[in-house]
């Protein structure tokens, strides 16, 4: 079954559900999945930052000053 068919099946199940508890559980599952993804993204960026700092300490990379860093935001 391809992804589109799976999505349609889930949508149909949600639309046909008459139990508020089931819908709450589905909602919680999506929220948990998103928060885990956000956390994984954070740690990935954090690891990249640590690598950059370590490279700077070794003299391989020059870190940006705060003014240039903030300008990128």
C-alpha atoms as a PDB file:
ATOM      1  CA  UNK A   1       0.000   0.000   0.000  1.00  0.00           C
ATOM      2  CA  UNK A   2       1.461   3.346  -0.963  1.00  0.00           C
ATOM      3  CA  UNK A   3       1.643   6.375   1.321  1.00  0.00           C
ATOM      4  CA  UNK A   4      -1.339   8.163  -0.241  1.00  0.00           C
ATOM      5  CA  UNK A   5      -3.560   5.119   0.253  1.00  0.00           C
ATOM      6  CA  UNK A   6      -2.438   4.836   3.880  1.00  0.00           C
ATOM      7  CA  UNK A   7      -3.262   8.489   4.479  1.00  0.00           C
ATOM      8  CA  UNK A   8      -6.714   8.055   3.005  1.00  0.00           C
ATOM      9  CA  UNK A   9      -7.316   4.990   5.146  1.00  0.00           C
ATOM     10  CA  UNK A  10      -6.320   6.868   8.317  1.00  0.00           C
ATOM     11  CA  UNK A  11      -8.520   9.824   7.374  1.00  0.00           C
ATOM     12  CA  UNK A  12     -11.456   7.472   6.828  1.00  0.00           C
ATOM     13  CA  UNK A  13     -10.877   5.810  10.212  1.00  0.00           C
ATOM     14  CA  UNK A  14     -10.741   9.181  11.962  1.00  0.00           C
ATOM     15  CA  UNK A  15     -13.867  10.438  10.203  1.00  0.00           C
ATOM     16  CA  UNK A  16     -15.768   7.279  11.111  1.00  0.00           C
ATOM     17  CA  UNK A  17     -14.645   7.278  14.762  1.00  0.00           C
ATOM     18  CA  UNK A  18     -17.351   8.118  17.268  1.00  0.00           C
ATOM     19  CA  UNK A  19     -15.228   7.627  20.370  1.00  0.00           C
ATOM     20  CA  UNK A  20     -13.681  10.812  21.770  1.00  0.00           C
ATOM     21  CA  UNK A  21     -11.036   8.744  23.584  1.00  0.00           C
ATOM     22  CA  UNK A  22      -9.779   7.249  20.339  1.00  0.00           C
ATOM     23  CA  UNK A  23      -9.575  10.680  18.726  1.00  0.00           C
ATOM     24  CA  UNK A  24      -7.708  12.012  21.765  1.00  0.00           C
ATOM     25  CA  UNK A  25      -5.235   9.144  21.520  1.00  0.00           C
ATOM     26  CA  UNK A  26      -4.677   9.771  17.805  1.00  0.00           C
ATOM     27  CA  UNK A  27      -4.122  13.465  18.495  1.00  0.00           C
ATOM     28  CA  UNK A  28      -1.686  12.658  21.314  1.00  0.00           C
ATOM     29  CA  UNK A  29       0.198  10.268  19.039  1.00  0.00           C
ATOM     30  CA  UNK A  30       0.691  12.994  16.431  1.00  0.00           C
ATOM     31  CA  UNK A  31       1.781  15.519  19.056  1.00  0.00           C
ATOM     32  CA  UNK A  32       4.261  13.053  20.560  1.00  0.00           C
ATOM     33  CA  UNK A  33       5.656  12.234  17.135  1.00  0.00           C
ATOM     34  CA  UNK A  34       6.129  15.922  16.339  1.00  0.00           C
ATOM     35  CA  UNK A  35       7.776  16.695  19.689  1.00  0.00           C
ATOM     36  CA  UNK A  36      10.173  13.761  19.201  1.00  0.00           C
ATOM     37  CA  UNK A  37      11.051  15.094  15.737  1.00  0.00           C
ATOM     38  CA  UNK A  38      11.617  18.576  17.149  1.00  0.00           C
ATOM     39  CA  UNK A  39      13.865  17.131  19.851  1.00  0.00           C
ATOM     40  CA  UNK A  40      15.833  15.104  17.301  1.00  0.00           C
ATOM     41  CA  UNK A  41      16.279  18.243  15.159  1.00  0.00           C
ATOM     42  CA  UNK A  42      17.474  20.180  18.210  1.00  0.00           C
ATOM     43  CA  UNK A  43      20.059  17.545  19.129  1.00  0.00           C
ATOM     44  CA  UNK A  44      21.268  17.345  15.545  1.00  0.00           C
ATOM     45  CA  UNK A  45      21.849  21.105  15.476  1.00  0.00           C
ATOM     46  CA  UNK A  46      23.440  20.982  18.915  1.00  0.00           C
ATOM     47  CA  UNK A  47      25.878  18.273  17.783  1.00  0.00           C
ATOM     48  CA  UNK A  48      26.781  20.364  14.729  1.00  0.00           C
ATOM     49  CA  UNK A  49      27.441  23.352  16.985  1.00  0.00           C
ATOM     50  CA  UNK A  50      29.665  21.321  19.285  1.00  0.00           C
ATOM     51  CA  UNK A  51      31.658  20.052  16.293  1.00  0.00           C
ATOM     52  CA  UNK A  52      32.098  23.640  15.086  1.00  0.00           C
ATOM     53  CA  UNK A  53      33.312  24.798  18.506  1.00  0.00           C
ATOM     54  CA  UNK A  54      35.748  21.872  18.709  1.00  0.00           C
ATOM     55  CA  UNK A  55      37.079  22.757  15.242  1.00  0.00           C
ATOM     56  CA  UNK A  56      37.489  26.359  16.370  1.00  0.00           C
ATOM     57  CA  UNK A  57      39.424  25.286  19.472  1.00  0.00           C
ATOM     58  CA  UNK A  58      41.734  23.243  17.231  1.00  0.00           C
ATOM     59  CA  UNK A  59      42.181  26.299  14.996  1.00  0.00           C
ATOM     60  CA  UNK A  60      40.517  24.693  11.976  1.00  0.00           C
ATOM     61  CA  UNK A  61      37.526  27.043  11.848  1.00  0.00           C
ATOM     62  CA  UNK A  62      36.971  30.647  12.870  1.00  0.00           C
ATOM     63  CA  UNK A  63      33.663  31.187  14.641  1.00  0.00           C
ATOM     64  CA  UNK A  64      31.442  34.134  13.743  1.00  0.00           C
ATOM     65  CA  UNK A  65      31.086  36.934  16.226  1.00  0.00           C
ATOM     66  CA  UNK A  66      27.702  37.561  17.814  1.00  0.00           C
ATOM     67  CA  UNK A  67      26.895  40.518  15.516  1.00  0.00           C
ATOM     68  CA  UNK A  68      27.303  38.419  12.349  1.00  0.00           C
ATOM     69  CA  UNK A  69      25.557  35.447  13.917  1.00  0.00           C
ATOM     70  CA  UNK A  70      22.523  37.545  14.875  1.00  0.00           C
ATOM     71  CA  UNK A  71      22.436  39.158  11.425  1.00  0.00           C
ATOM     72  CA  UNK A  72      21.782  35.721   9.944  1.00  0.00           C
ATOM     73  CA  UNK A  73      18.683  35.237  12.081  1.00  0.00           C
END
